């Protein structure tokens, strides 16, 4: 019996348009890479190293995510429009635990 390894995430872009995107969880990808593959307009300038804040998002759902690393918190401290639910989506790995996650792209 094969286990379903694909999850869906709802992404709300900067114009308020909602889009459901799907991705497998067995390829060691993060949410930023998932968004880029789906042609969601997210920059990810540093390539997912938590060295910039160009993949800043707001988590809109009640998913319990791993605590941000010190590097992620440092980058968010330098970002604009930071809220309590701000995260860098390059630091959120795709897993079955985040199936149904709802995120909104932060303003640039």
N, C-alpha and C. Protein backbone atom coordinates (compact mmCIF):
# COMPACT_ATOMS: atom_id res chain seq x y z
N UNK A 1 0.85 -1.18 0.00
CA UNK A 1 0.00 0.00 0.00
C UNK A 1 0.90 1.24 0.00
N UNK A 2 0.69 2.14 -0.94
CA UNK A 2 1.53 3.35 -1.01
C UNK A 2 0.89 4.48 -0.22
N UNK A 3 1.76 5.22 0.42
CA UNK A 3 1.32 6.35 1.23
C UNK A 3 1.25 7.59 0.34
N UNK A 4 0.20 8.40 0.49
CA UNK A 4 0.09 9.64 -0.28
C UNK A 4 1.14 10.61 0.22
N UNK A 5 2.08 10.95 -0.65
CA UNK A 5 3.18 11.83 -0.26
C UNK A 5 3.03 13.22 -0.84
N UNK A 6 1.85 13.57 -1.31
CA UNK A 6 1.64 14.89 -1.88
C UNK A 6 0.75 15.71 -0.95
N UNK A 7 1.13 16.97 -0.80
CA UNK A 7 0.34 17.88 0.04
C UNK A 7 -0.13 19.06 -0.78
N UNK A 8 -1.09 19.78 -0.22
CA UNK A 8 -1.58 21.01 -0.85
C UNK A 8 -1.42 22.17 0.12
N UNK A 9 -1.07 23.31 -0.46
CA UNK A 9 -0.94 24.55 0.29
C UNK A 9 -1.71 25.63 -0.44
N UNK A 10 -2.45 26.44 0.32
CA UNK A 10 -3.15 27.58 -0.29
C UNK A 10 -2.24 28.79 -0.17
N UNK A 11 -2.00 29.44 -1.31
CA UNK A 11 -1.16 30.63 -1.36
C UNK A 11 -2.03 31.80 -1.77
N UNK A 12 -1.97 32.87 -0.98
CA UNK A 12 -2.68 34.11 -1.31
C UNK A 12 -1.62 35.10 -1.76
N UNK A 13 -1.74 35.54 -3.02
CA UNK A 13 -0.70 36.43 -3.54
C UNK A 13 -0.92 37.86 -3.07
N UNK A 14 -0.07 38.76 -3.52
CA UNK A 14 -0.12 40.15 -3.05
C UNK A 14 -1.34 40.91 -3.55
N UNK A 15 -2.07 40.34 -4.52
CA UNK A 15 -3.31 40.94 -4.99
C UNK A 15 -4.54 40.31 -4.34
N UNK A 16 -4.32 39.37 -3.41
CA UNK A 16 -5.43 38.71 -2.73
C UNK A 16 -5.97 37.50 -3.47
N UNK A 17 -5.34 37.12 -4.57
CA UNK A 17 -5.79 35.95 -5.34
C UNK A 17 -5.30 34.68 -4.66
N UNK A 18 -6.24 33.74 -4.44
CA UNK A 18 -5.92 32.48 -3.77
C UNK A 18 -5.66 31.39 -4.80
N UNK A 19 -4.67 30.57 -4.51
CA UNK A 19 -4.32 29.48 -5.42
C UNK A 19 -3.88 28.27 -4.61
N UNK A 20 -4.40 27.12 -4.94
CA UNK A 20 -3.98 25.87 -4.30
C UNK A 20 -2.84 25.27 -5.13
N UNK A 21 -1.74 24.93 -4.45
CA UNK A 21 -0.65 24.28 -5.14
C UNK A 21 -0.33 22.97 -4.44
N UNK A 22 0.11 22.00 -5.22
CA UNK A 22 0.42 20.67 -4.71
C UNK A 22 1.88 20.35 -4.95
N UNK A 23 2.43 19.54 -4.07
CA UNK A 23 3.82 19.13 -4.22
C UNK A 23 4.05 17.85 -3.43
N UNK A 24 4.99 17.03 -3.88
CA UNK A 24 5.35 15.84 -3.11
C UNK A 24 6.16 16.22 -1.88
N UNK A 25 6.11 15.38 -0.89
CA UNK A 25 6.87 15.64 0.35
C UNK A 25 8.16 14.84 0.41
N UNK A 26 8.43 14.02 -0.60
CA UNK A 26 9.59 13.13 -0.55
C UNK A 26 10.78 13.64 -1.37
N UNK A 27 10.82 14.95 -1.66
CA UNK A 27 11.91 15.50 -2.46
C UNK A 27 12.76 16.50 -1.70
N UNK A 28 12.55 16.62 -0.37
CA UNK A 28 13.33 17.52 0.48
C UNK A 28 13.23 18.98 0.00
N UNK A 29 12.01 19.40 -0.34
CA UNK A 29 11.76 20.77 -0.79
C UNK A 29 11.20 21.60 0.36
N UNK A 30 11.32 22.92 0.22
CA UNK A 30 10.69 23.82 1.17
C UNK A 30 9.55 24.56 0.48
N UNK A 31 8.80 25.32 1.24
CA UNK A 31 7.63 26.03 0.70
C UNK A 31 8.04 27.04 -0.37
N UNK A 32 9.18 27.71 -0.20
CA UNK A 32 9.63 28.65 -1.22
C UNK A 32 9.86 27.95 -2.56
N UNK A 33 10.52 26.80 -2.52
CA UNK A 33 10.78 26.05 -3.75
C UNK A 33 9.47 25.57 -4.39
N UNK A 34 8.52 25.18 -3.54
CA UNK A 34 7.20 24.78 -4.03
C UNK A 34 6.52 25.94 -4.75
N UNK A 35 6.59 27.11 -4.15
CA UNK A 35 5.97 28.30 -4.76
C UNK A 35 6.65 28.66 -6.07
N UNK A 36 7.97 28.62 -6.10
CA UNK A 36 8.70 28.95 -7.32
C UNK A 36 8.34 27.97 -8.44
N UNK A 37 8.25 26.69 -8.12
CA UNK A 37 7.90 25.67 -9.11
C UNK A 37 6.51 25.91 -9.68
N UNK A 38 5.62 26.47 -8.85
CA UNK A 38 4.25 26.77 -9.28
C UNK A 38 4.13 28.16 -9.89
N UNK A 39 5.28 28.83 -10.09
CA UNK A 39 5.34 30.17 -10.67
C UNK A 39 4.60 31.22 -9.84
N UNK A 40 4.62 31.04 -8.51
CA UNK A 40 4.13 32.06 -7.59
C UNK A 40 5.22 33.12 -7.51
N UNK A 41 4.89 34.40 -7.58
CA UNK A 41 5.92 35.45 -7.61
C UNK A 41 6.60 35.69 -6.26
N UNK A 42 7.49 34.79 -5.90
CA UNK A 42 8.26 34.92 -4.68
C UNK A 42 9.74 34.89 -5.07
N UNK A 43 10.53 35.76 -4.49
CA UNK A 43 11.90 35.93 -4.97
C UNK A 43 12.84 34.82 -4.52
N UNK A 44 13.09 34.70 -3.25
CA UNK A 44 14.04 33.69 -2.78
C UNK A 44 15.45 33.97 -3.26
N UNK A 45 15.88 35.20 -3.12
CA UNK A 45 17.17 35.67 -3.64
C UNK A 45 18.34 34.83 -3.14
N UNK A 46 18.36 34.45 -1.87
CA UNK A 46 19.50 33.73 -1.30
C UNK A 46 19.44 32.23 -1.56
N UNK A 47 18.40 31.77 -2.22
CA UNK A 47 18.29 30.36 -2.53
C UNK A 47 17.88 29.47 -1.37
N UNK A 48 17.29 30.07 -0.35
CA UNK A 48 16.78 29.27 0.77
C UNK A 48 17.73 29.11 1.93
N UNK A 49 18.69 30.01 2.05
CA UNK A 49 19.70 29.92 3.11
C UNK A 49 19.38 30.79 4.32
N UNK A 50 18.22 31.44 4.36
CA UNK A 50 17.83 32.36 5.43
C UNK A 50 18.82 33.52 5.54
N UNK A 51 19.29 33.99 4.38
CA UNK A 51 20.22 35.11 4.34
C UNK A 51 19.58 36.39 3.81
N UNK A 52 18.30 36.32 3.51
CA UNK A 52 17.56 37.50 3.07
C UNK A 52 16.12 37.31 3.56
N UNK A 53 15.28 38.21 3.24
CA UNK A 53 13.87 38.05 3.65
C UNK A 53 12.96 38.16 2.44
N UNK A 54 13.48 37.81 1.26
CA UNK A 54 12.70 37.97 0.03
C UNK A 54 11.61 36.91 -0.14
N UNK A 55 11.54 35.93 0.77
CA UNK A 55 10.46 34.93 0.73
C UNK A 55 9.57 35.07 1.97
N UNK A 56 9.48 36.29 2.48
CA UNK A 56 8.68 36.59 3.67
C UNK A 56 7.21 36.33 3.38
N UNK A 57 6.58 35.57 4.25
CA UNK A 57 5.15 35.25 4.13
C UNK A 57 4.48 35.40 5.49
N UNK A 58 3.15 35.40 5.45
CA UNK A 58 2.34 35.34 6.68
C UNK A 58 1.65 33.98 6.70
N UNK A 59 1.77 33.27 7.81
CA UNK A 59 1.07 31.99 7.97
C UNK A 59 -0.33 32.31 8.46
N UNK A 60 -1.33 31.93 7.67
CA UNK A 60 -2.73 32.26 7.97
C UNK A 60 -3.49 31.13 8.65
N UNK A 61 -2.95 29.92 8.61
CA UNK A 61 -3.63 28.78 9.23
C UNK A 61 -3.02 28.49 10.60
N UNK A 62 -3.64 27.59 11.33
CA UNK A 62 -3.22 27.28 12.70
C UNK A 62 -2.24 26.11 12.77
N UNK A 63 -1.50 25.84 11.71
CA UNK A 63 -0.54 24.73 11.72
C UNK A 63 0.56 25.01 12.74
N UNK A 64 0.97 23.97 13.40
CA UNK A 64 2.08 24.09 14.34
C UNK A 64 3.37 23.85 13.57
N UNK A 65 4.13 24.91 13.37
CA UNK A 65 5.38 24.83 12.62
C UNK A 65 6.56 24.78 13.57
N UNK A 66 7.69 24.30 13.05
CA UNK A 66 8.90 24.31 13.86
C UNK A 66 9.24 25.74 14.23
N UNK A 67 9.82 25.91 15.38
CA UNK A 67 10.23 27.23 15.86
C UNK A 67 11.27 27.81 14.90
N UNK A 68 11.15 29.11 14.59
CA UNK A 68 12.15 29.73 13.70
C UNK A 68 13.56 29.64 14.29
N UNK A 69 14.53 29.44 13.42
CA UNK A 69 15.92 29.43 13.86
C UNK A 69 16.35 30.86 14.17
N UNK A 70 17.49 31.00 14.83
CA UNK A 70 18.02 32.33 15.13
C UNK A 70 18.30 33.10 13.83
N UNK A 71 18.78 32.39 12.79
CA UNK A 71 19.05 33.03 11.50
C UNK A 71 17.76 33.58 10.88
N UNK A 72 16.70 32.78 10.95
CA UNK A 72 15.42 33.25 10.41
C UNK A 72 14.91 34.45 11.19
N UNK A 73 15.00 34.40 12.51
CA UNK A 73 14.55 35.54 13.32
C UNK A 73 15.37 36.79 13.02
N UNK A 74 16.69 36.63 12.81
CA UNK A 74 17.54 37.77 12.46
C UNK A 74 17.10 38.41 11.14
N UNK A 75 16.76 37.59 10.16
CA UNK A 75 16.33 38.12 8.87
C UNK A 75 14.97 38.80 8.99
N UNK A 76 14.07 38.22 9.76
CA UNK A 76 12.76 38.85 9.95
C UNK A 76 12.90 40.18 10.69
N UNK A 77 13.88 40.28 11.58
CA UNK A 77 14.12 41.55 12.27
C UNK A 77 14.48 42.66 11.30
N UNK A 78 15.03 42.30 10.14
CA UNK A 78 15.44 43.28 9.14
C UNK A 78 14.41 43.48 8.05
N UNK A 79 13.34 42.69 8.05
CA UNK A 79 12.33 42.75 7.00
C UNK A 79 11.31 43.85 7.28
N UNK A 80 10.60 44.23 6.23
CA UNK A 80 9.51 45.19 6.34
C UNK A 80 8.20 44.45 6.55
N UNK A 81 7.22 45.13 7.15
CA UNK A 81 5.85 44.61 7.30
C UNK A 81 5.78 43.31 8.09
N UNK A 82 6.64 43.15 9.09
CA UNK A 82 6.68 41.93 9.89
C UNK A 82 5.50 41.91 10.86
N UNK A 83 4.85 40.77 10.96
CA UNK A 83 3.72 40.54 11.86
C UNK A 83 4.05 39.34 12.75
N UNK A 84 3.19 39.06 13.71
CA UNK A 84 3.40 37.91 14.61
C UNK A 84 3.42 36.58 13.85
N UNK A 85 2.75 36.52 12.70
CA UNK A 85 2.68 35.28 11.93
C UNK A 85 3.65 35.27 10.75
N UNK A 86 4.64 36.15 10.78
CA UNK A 86 5.64 36.22 9.72
C UNK A 86 6.60 35.04 9.79
N UNK A 87 6.96 34.52 8.63
CA UNK A 87 7.97 33.47 8.50
C UNK A 87 8.69 33.64 7.17
N UNK A 88 9.83 33.02 7.05
CA UNK A 88 10.51 32.89 5.77
C UNK A 88 10.11 31.52 5.24
N UNK A 89 9.47 31.50 4.08
CA UNK A 89 8.95 30.21 3.62
C UNK A 89 10.05 29.27 3.16
N UNK A 90 11.28 29.77 2.98
CA UNK A 90 12.39 28.87 2.66
C UNK A 90 12.76 28.00 3.86
N UNK A 91 12.30 28.36 5.03
CA UNK A 91 12.63 27.62 6.24
C UNK A 91 11.53 26.65 6.68
N UNK A 92 10.48 26.53 5.87
CA UNK A 92 9.38 25.61 6.17
C UNK A 92 9.47 24.45 5.19
N UNK A 93 9.89 23.30 5.68
CA UNK A 93 10.05 22.13 4.83
C UNK A 93 8.70 21.48 4.56
N UNK A 94 8.57 20.94 3.35
CA UNK A 94 7.34 20.25 2.98
C UNK A 94 7.27 18.93 3.74
N UNK A 95 6.16 18.72 4.41
CA UNK A 95 5.91 17.48 5.15
C UNK A 95 4.41 17.31 5.26
N UNK A 96 3.99 16.09 5.58
CA UNK A 96 2.55 15.83 5.71
C UNK A 96 1.92 16.69 6.80
N UNK A 97 2.72 17.12 7.78
CA UNK A 97 2.20 17.94 8.89
C UNK A 97 1.73 19.32 8.44
N UNK A 98 2.21 19.80 7.30
CA UNK A 98 1.78 21.13 6.85
C UNK A 98 0.76 21.05 5.72
N UNK A 99 0.23 19.86 5.45
CA UNK A 99 -0.82 19.73 4.44
C UNK A 99 -1.98 20.65 4.80
N UNK A 100 -2.42 21.46 3.85
CA UNK A 100 -3.51 22.39 4.09
C UNK A 100 -3.05 23.75 4.61
N UNK A 101 -1.75 23.96 4.73
CA UNK A 101 -1.20 25.24 5.19
C UNK A 101 -1.72 26.37 4.31
N UNK A 102 -2.01 27.50 4.93
CA UNK A 102 -2.46 28.69 4.20
C UNK A 102 -1.44 29.80 4.47
N UNK A 103 -0.86 30.31 3.38
CA UNK A 103 0.11 31.40 3.51
C UNK A 103 -0.29 32.57 2.63
N UNK A 104 0.16 33.75 3.02
CA UNK A 104 -0.05 34.94 2.22
C UNK A 104 1.31 35.61 1.99
N UNK A 105 1.59 35.99 0.76
CA UNK A 105 2.84 36.66 0.46
C UNK A 105 2.85 38.03 1.12
N UNK A 106 3.95 38.35 1.77
CA UNK A 106 4.10 39.66 2.40
C UNK A 106 4.37 40.72 1.33
N UNK A 107 3.99 41.96 1.59
CA UNK A 107 4.28 43.03 0.63
C UNK A 107 5.79 43.19 0.46
N UNK A 108 6.18 43.69 -0.71
CA UNK A 108 7.61 43.95 -0.94
C UNK A 108 7.89 45.43 -0.89
